[in-house]
Every structure is written in structure tokens, then in C-alpha cells.
């Protein structure tokens, strides 16, 4: 929950690079973290990254 809040805050500040680094370094990703990242991407005008992440959640083995 703390990581999700940090991701949300970083994205709200427009610090996409640090949010991505934190997300990628997390060993146990939970669904709300994916949601925070996807929302952050959309809010920062990066919808293609949001779609890619959505597809990763939908098809994790591909």
C-alpha cells in the first residue's frame, strides 16, 4: 500500500522515470500498483505505456 501511494505521488508530480524505477524494482507487485502506474501514464500523456502495462497484466506469460 505504501508503494502504491509513492507511485501515485511520483506520477502526480510528473516524475515518471522514478515511478517506473520503483515499480520495476518491486519484487511483489499487487494490482493497485499496476492501476497507479496506468493512471499515471495516462495523466502524463503516455497512453501507449498504459496500454502496454494493461496488456502485461492481462497476459503475464507473453
PDB file of N, CA and C in Angstrom:
ATOM      1  N   UNK A   1       0.814  -1.194   0.000  1.00  0.00           N
ATOM      2  CA  UNK A   1       0.000   0.000   0.000  1.00  0.00           C
ATOM      3  C   UNK A   1       0.858   1.259   0.000  1.00  0.00           C
ATOM      4  N   UNK A   2       1.956   1.203   0.733  1.00  0.00           N
ATOM      5  CA  UNK A   2       2.862   2.347   0.752  1.00  0.00           C
ATOM      6  C   UNK A   2       3.481   2.574  -0.631  1.00  0.00           C
ATOM      7  N   UNK A   3       3.886   1.486  -1.273  1.00  0.00           N
ATOM      8  CA  UNK A   3       4.474   1.624  -2.609  1.00  0.00           C
ATOM      9  C   UNK A   3       3.469   2.187  -3.603  1.00  0.00           C
ATOM     10  N   UNK A   4       2.225   1.773  -3.492  1.00  0.00           N
ATOM     11  CA  UNK A   4       1.191   2.297  -4.380  1.00  0.00           C
ATOM     12  C   UNK A   4       1.034   3.804  -4.183  1.00  0.00           C
ATOM     13  N   UNK A   5       1.047   4.244  -2.938  1.00  0.00           N
ATOM     14  CA  UNK A   5       0.940   5.677  -2.649  1.00  0.00           C
ATOM     15  C   UNK A   5       2.144   6.441  -3.183  1.00  0.00           C
ATOM     16  N   UNK A   6       3.331   5.859  -3.054  1.00  0.00           N
ATOM     17  CA  UNK A   6       4.535   6.500  -3.589  1.00  0.00           C
ATOM     18  C   UNK A   6       4.481   6.605  -5.115  1.00  0.00           C
ATOM     19  N   UNK A   7       4.031   5.535  -5.760  1.00  0.00           N
ATOM     20  CA  UNK A   7       3.899   5.560  -7.223  1.00  0.00           C
ATOM     21  C   UNK A   7       2.922   6.653  -7.643  1.00  0.00           C
ATOM     22  N   UNK A   8       1.812   6.721  -6.945  1.00  0.00           N
ATOM     23  CA  UNK A   8       0.795   7.729  -7.246  1.00  0.00           C
ATOM     24  C   UNK A   8       1.365   9.141  -7.084  1.00  0.00           C
ATOM     25  N   UNK A   9       2.086   9.374  -5.990  1.00  0.00           N
ATOM     26  CA  UNK A   9       2.662  10.696  -5.740  1.00  0.00           C
ATOM     27  C   UNK A   9       3.701  11.062  -6.798  1.00  0.00           C
ATOM     28  N   UNK A  10       4.553  10.125  -7.146  1.00  0.00           N
ATOM     29  CA  UNK A  10       5.574  10.394  -8.163  1.00  0.00           C
ATOM     30  C   UNK A  10       4.929  10.731  -9.501  1.00  0.00           C
ATOM     31  N   UNK A  11       3.920   9.977  -9.862  1.00  0.00           N
ATOM     32  CA  UNK A  11       3.244  10.230 -11.132  1.00  0.00           C
ATOM     33  C   UNK A  11       2.528  11.583 -11.108  1.00  0.00           C
ATOM     34  N   UNK A  12       1.919  11.928  -9.990  1.00  0.00           N
ATOM     35  CA  UNK A  12       1.234  13.221  -9.890  1.00  0.00           C
ATOM     36  C   UNK A  12       2.209  14.385 -10.016  1.00  0.00           C
ATOM     37  N   UNK A  13       3.455  14.151  -9.603  1.00  0.00           N
ATOM     38  CA  UNK A  13       4.499  15.180  -9.738  1.00  0.00           C
ATOM     39  C   UNK A  13       5.159  15.149 -11.114  1.00  0.00           C
ATOM     40  N   UNK A  14       4.743  14.205 -11.955  1.00  0.00           N
ATOM     41  CA  UNK A  14       5.309  14.097 -13.297  1.00  0.00           C
ATOM     42  C   UNK A  14       6.648  13.381 -13.334  1.00  0.00           C
ATOM     43  N   UNK A  15       7.007  12.714 -12.250  1.00  0.00           N
ATOM     44  CA  UNK A  15       8.293  12.019 -12.185  1.00  0.00           C
ATOM     45  C   UNK A  15       8.118  10.563 -12.628  1.00  0.00           C
ATOM     46  N   UNK A  16       7.844  10.408 -13.898  1.00  0.00           N
ATOM     47  CA  UNK A  16       7.558   9.094 -14.465  1.00  0.00           C
ATOM     48  C   UNK A  16       8.762   8.168 -14.335  1.00  0.00           C
ATOM     49  N   UNK A  17       9.957   8.685 -14.568  1.00  0.00           N
ATOM     50  CA  UNK A  17      11.163   7.852 -14.527  1.00  0.00           C
ATOM     51  C   UNK A  17      11.373   7.215 -13.159  1.00  0.00           C
ATOM     52  N   UNK A  18      11.201   7.983 -12.091  1.00  0.00           N
ATOM     53  CA  UNK A  18      11.381   7.414 -10.752  1.00  0.00           C
ATOM     54  C   UNK A  18      10.245   6.455 -10.402  1.00  0.00           C
ATOM     55  N   UNK A  19       9.046   6.746 -10.856  1.00  0.00           N
ATOM     56  CA  UNK A  19       7.924   5.831 -10.620  1.00  0.00           C
ATOM     57  C   UNK A  19       8.187   4.498 -11.316  1.00  0.00           C
ATOM     58  N   UNK A  20       8.676   4.563 -12.551  1.00  0.00           N
ATOM     59  CA  UNK A  20       8.984   3.329 -13.278  1.00  0.00           C
ATOM     60  C   UNK A  20      10.092   2.548 -12.584  1.00  0.00           C
ATOM     61  N   UNK A  21      11.122   3.243 -12.113  1.00  0.00           N
ATOM     62  CA  UNK A  21      12.223   2.566 -11.430  1.00  0.00           C
ATOM     63  C   UNK A  21      11.726   1.872 -10.159  1.00  0.00           C
ATOM     64  N   UNK A  22      10.885   2.556  -9.402  1.00  0.00           N
ATOM     65  CA  UNK A  22      10.332   1.976  -8.182  1.00  0.00           C
ATOM     66  C   UNK A  22       9.448   0.777  -8.509  1.00  0.00           C
ATOM     67  N   UNK A  23       8.614   0.915  -9.516  1.00  0.00           N
ATOM     68  CA  UNK A  23       7.717  -0.166  -9.919  1.00  0.00           C
ATOM     69  C   UNK A  23       8.521  -1.386 -10.368  1.00  0.00           C
ATOM     70  N   UNK A  24       9.515  -1.163 -11.199  1.00  0.00           N
ATOM     71  CA  UNK A  24      10.317  -2.272 -11.719  1.00  0.00           C
ATOM     72  C   UNK A  24      11.141  -2.956 -10.629  1.00  0.00           C
ATOM     73  N   UNK A  25      11.553  -2.203  -9.616  1.00  0.00           N
ATOM     74  CA  UNK A  25      12.372  -2.786  -8.559  1.00  0.00           C
ATOM     75  C   UNK A  25      11.543  -3.532  -7.511  1.00  0.00           C
ATOM     76  N   UNK A  26      10.245  -3.352  -7.546  1.00  0.00           N
ATOM     77  CA  UNK A  26       9.378  -4.025  -6.586  1.00  0.00           C
ATOM     78  C   UNK A  26       9.291  -5.510  -6.909  1.00  0.00           C
ATOM     79  N   UNK A  27       9.557  -6.329  -5.901  1.00  0.00           N
ATOM     80  CA  UNK A  27       9.543  -7.781  -6.116  1.00  0.00           C
ATOM     81  C   UNK A  27       8.128  -8.349  -6.141  1.00  0.00           C
ATOM     82  N   UNK A  28       7.249  -7.778  -5.332  1.00  0.00           N
ATOM     83  CA  UNK A  28       5.875  -8.278  -5.259  1.00  0.00           C
ATOM     84  C   UNK A  28       4.915  -7.178  -5.680  1.00  0.00           C
ATOM     85  N   UNK A  29       4.556  -7.208  -6.943  1.00  0.00           N
ATOM     86  CA  UNK A  29       3.627  -6.206  -7.470  1.00  0.00           C
ATOM     87  C   UNK A  29       2.189  -6.662  -7.214  1.00  0.00           C
ATOM     88  N   UNK A  30       1.399  -5.731  -6.684  1.00  0.00           N
ATOM     89  CA  UNK A  30      -0.022  -6.013  -6.455  1.00  0.00           C
ATOM     90  C   UNK A  30      -0.833  -5.187  -7.445  1.00  0.00           C
ATOM     91  N   UNK A  31      -2.054  -5.602  -7.671  1.00  0.00           N
ATOM     92  CA  UNK A  31      -2.899  -4.972  -8.684  1.00  0.00           C
ATOM     93  C   UNK A  31      -3.035  -3.458  -8.521  1.00  0.00           C
ATOM     94  N   UNK A  32      -3.193  -2.921  -7.299  1.00  0.00           N
ATOM     95  CA  UNK A  32      -3.292  -1.461  -7.184  1.00  0.00           C
ATOM     96  C   UNK A  32      -2.049  -0.716  -7.685  1.00  0.00           C
ATOM     97  N   UNK A  33      -0.894  -1.355  -7.616  1.00  0.00           N
ATOM     98  CA  UNK A  33       0.326  -0.727  -8.140  1.00  0.00           C
ATOM     99  C   UNK A  33       0.223  -0.579  -9.658  1.00  0.00           C
ATOM    100  N   UNK A  34      -0.300  -1.600 -10.314  1.00  0.00           N
ATOM    101  CA  UNK A  34      -0.494  -1.516 -11.763  1.00  0.00           C
ATOM    102  C   UNK A  34      -1.479  -0.398 -12.092  1.00  0.00           C
ATOM    103  N   UNK A  35      -2.535  -0.302 -11.301  1.00  0.00           N
ATOM    104  CA  UNK A  35      -3.526   0.752 -11.515  1.00  0.00           C
ATOM    105  C   UNK A  35      -2.937   2.136 -11.361  1.00  0.00           C
ATOM    106  N   UNK A  36      -2.098   2.327 -10.343  1.00  0.00           N
ATOM    107  CA  UNK A  36      -1.456   3.625 -10.125  1.00  0.00           C
ATOM    108  C   UNK A  36      -0.542   3.971 -11.297  1.00  0.00           C
ATOM    109  N   UNK A  37       0.166   2.970 -11.792  1.00  0.00           N
ATOM    110  CA  UNK A  37       1.064   3.213 -12.923  1.00  0.00           C
ATOM    111  C   UNK A  37       0.269   3.555 -14.181  1.00  0.00           C
ATOM    112  N   UNK A  38      -0.784   2.796 -14.458  1.00  0.00           N
ATOM    113  CA  UNK A  38      -1.572   3.050 -15.669  1.00  0.00           C
ATOM    114  C   UNK A  38      -2.229   4.429 -15.613  1.00  0.00           C
ATOM    115  N   UNK A  39      -2.783   4.787 -14.465  1.00  0.00           N
ATOM    116  CA  UNK A  39      -3.389   6.110 -14.319  1.00  0.00           C
ATOM    117  C   UNK A  39      -2.331   7.196 -14.477  1.00  0.00           C
ATOM    118  N   UNK A  40      -1.182   6.974 -13.892  1.00  0.00           N
ATOM    119  CA  UNK A  40      -0.093   7.936 -14.004  1.00  0.00           C
ATOM    120  C   UNK A  40       0.366   8.127 -15.429  1.00  0.00           C
ATOM    121  N   UNK A  41       0.457   7.044 -16.159  1.00  0.00           N
ATOM    122  CA  UNK A  41       0.843   7.150 -17.572  1.00  0.00           C
ATOM    123  C   UNK A  41      -0.177   7.982 -18.347  1.00  0.00           C
ATOM    124  N   UNK A  42      -1.446   7.698 -18.134  1.00  0.00           N
ATOM    125  CA  UNK A  42      -2.490   8.452 -18.840  1.00  0.00           C
ATOM    126  C   UNK A  42      -2.444   9.926 -18.447  1.00  0.00           C
ATOM    127  N   UNK A  43      -2.302  10.198 -17.155  1.00  0.00           N
ATOM    128  CA  UNK A  43      -2.258  11.584 -16.678  1.00  0.00           C
ATOM    129  C   UNK A  43      -1.035  12.340 -17.192  1.00  0.00           C
ATOM    130  N   UNK A  44       0.022  11.601 -17.528  1.00  0.00           N
ATOM    131  CA  UNK A  44       1.245  12.217 -18.038  1.00  0.00           C
ATOM    132  C   UNK A  44       1.361  12.080 -19.557  1.00  0.00           C
ATOM    133  N   UNK A  45       0.222  11.891 -20.207  1.00  0.00           N
ATOM    134  CA  UNK A  45       0.157  11.825 -21.676  1.00  0.00           C
ATOM    135  C   UNK A  45       1.005  10.710 -22.276  1.00  0.00           C
ATOM    136  N   UNK A  46       0.983   9.554 -21.614  1.00  0.00           N
ATOM    137  CA  UNK A  46       1.703   8.383 -22.112  1.00  0.00           C
ATOM    138  C   UNK A  46       0.739   7.188 -22.215  1.00  0.00           C
ATOM    139  N   UNK A  47      -0.343   7.365 -22.980  1.00  0.00           N
ATOM    140  CA  UNK A  47      -1.351   6.302 -23.019  1.00  0.00           C
ATOM    141  C   UNK A  47      -0.829   4.986 -23.576  1.00  0.00           C
ATOM    142  N   UNK A  48       0.154   5.046 -24.472  1.00  0.00           N
ATOM    143  CA  UNK A  48       0.676   3.799 -25.040  1.00  0.00           C
ATOM    144  C   UNK A  48       1.365   2.952 -23.966  1.00  0.00           C
ATOM    145  N   UNK A  49       2.023   3.598 -23.006  1.00  0.00           N
ATOM    146  CA  UNK A  49       2.645   2.858 -21.908  1.00  0.00           C
ATOM    147  C   UNK A  49       1.575   2.244 -21.010  1.00  0.00           C
ATOM    148  N   UNK A  50       0.468   2.953 -20.811  1.00  0.00           N
ATOM    149  CA  UNK A  50      -0.637   2.422 -20.013  1.00  0.00           C
ATOM    150  C   UNK A  50      -1.212   1.172 -20.674  1.00  0.00           C
ATOM    151  N   UNK A  51      -1.368   1.215 -21.976  1.00  0.00           N
ATOM    152  CA  UNK A  51      -1.907   0.069 -22.713  1.00  0.00           C
ATOM    153  C   UNK A  51      -0.950  -1.111 -22.642  1.00  0.00           C
ATOM    154  N   UNK A  52       0.337  -0.840 -22.792  1.00  0.00           N
ATOM    155  CA  UNK A  52       1.334  -1.916 -22.696  1.00  0.00           C
ATOM    156  C   UNK A  52       1.296  -2.576 -21.322  1.00  0.00           C
ATOM    157  N   UNK A  53       1.188  -1.765 -20.278  1.00  0.00           N
ATOM    158  CA  UNK A  53       1.140  -2.310 -18.925  1.00  0.00           C
ATOM    159  C   UNK A  53      -0.151  -3.087 -18.705  1.00  0.00           C
ATOM    160  N   UNK A  54      -1.252  -2.589 -19.232  1.00  0.00           N
ATOM    161  CA  UNK A  54      -2.522  -3.312 -19.135  1.00  0.00           C
ATOM    162  C   UNK A  54      -2.399  -4.678 -19.798  1.00  0.00           C
ATOM    163  N   UNK A  55      -1.794  -4.716 -20.967  1.00  0.00           N
ATOM    164  CA  UNK A  55      -1.619  -5.989 -21.666  1.00  0.00           C
ATOM    165  C   UNK A  55      -0.716  -6.933 -20.889  1.00  0.00           C
ATOM    166  N   UNK A  56       0.257  -6.394 -20.173  1.00  0.00           N
ATOM    167  CA  UNK A  56       1.140  -7.214 -19.343  1.00  0.00           C
ATOM    168  C   UNK A  56       0.353  -7.852 -18.202  1.00  0.00           C
ATOM    169  N   UNK A  57      -0.561  -7.100 -17.611  1.00  0.00           N
ATOM    170  CA  UNK A  57      -1.387  -7.632 -16.525  1.00  0.00           C
ATOM    171  C   UNK A  57      -2.347  -8.680 -17.075  1.00  0.00           C
ATOM    172  N   UNK A  58      -2.910  -8.400 -18.228  1.00  0.00           N
ATOM    173  CA  UNK A  58      -3.889  -9.305 -18.826  1.00  0.00           C
ATOM    174  C   UNK A  58      -3.249 -10.603 -19.310  1.00  0.00           C
ATOM    175  N   UNK A  59      -2.024 -10.516 -19.834  1.00  0.00           N
ATOM    176  CA  UNK A  59      -1.324 -11.675 -20.388  1.00  0.00           C
ATOM    177  C   UNK A  59       0.096 -11.745 -19.811  1.00  0.00           C
ATOM    178  N   UNK A  60       0.252 -12.126 -18.545  1.00  0.00           N
ATOM    179  CA  UNK A  60       1.562 -12.058 -17.898  1.00  0.00           C
ATOM    180  C   UNK A  60       2.623 -12.984 -18.493  1.00  0.00           C
ATOM    181  N   UNK A  61       2.222 -14.052 -19.160  1.00  0.00           N
ATOM    182  CA  UNK A  61       3.197 -15.012 -19.695  1.00  0.00           C
ATOM    183  C   UNK A  61       3.703 -14.663 -21.079  1.00  0.00           C
ATOM    184  N   UNK A  62       3.150 -13.637 -21.693  1.00  0.00           N
ATOM    185  CA  UNK A  62       3.555 -13.302 -23.067  1.00  0.00           C
ATOM    186  C   UNK A  62       4.667 -12.291 -23.069  1.00  0.00           C
TER     187      UNK A  62
END
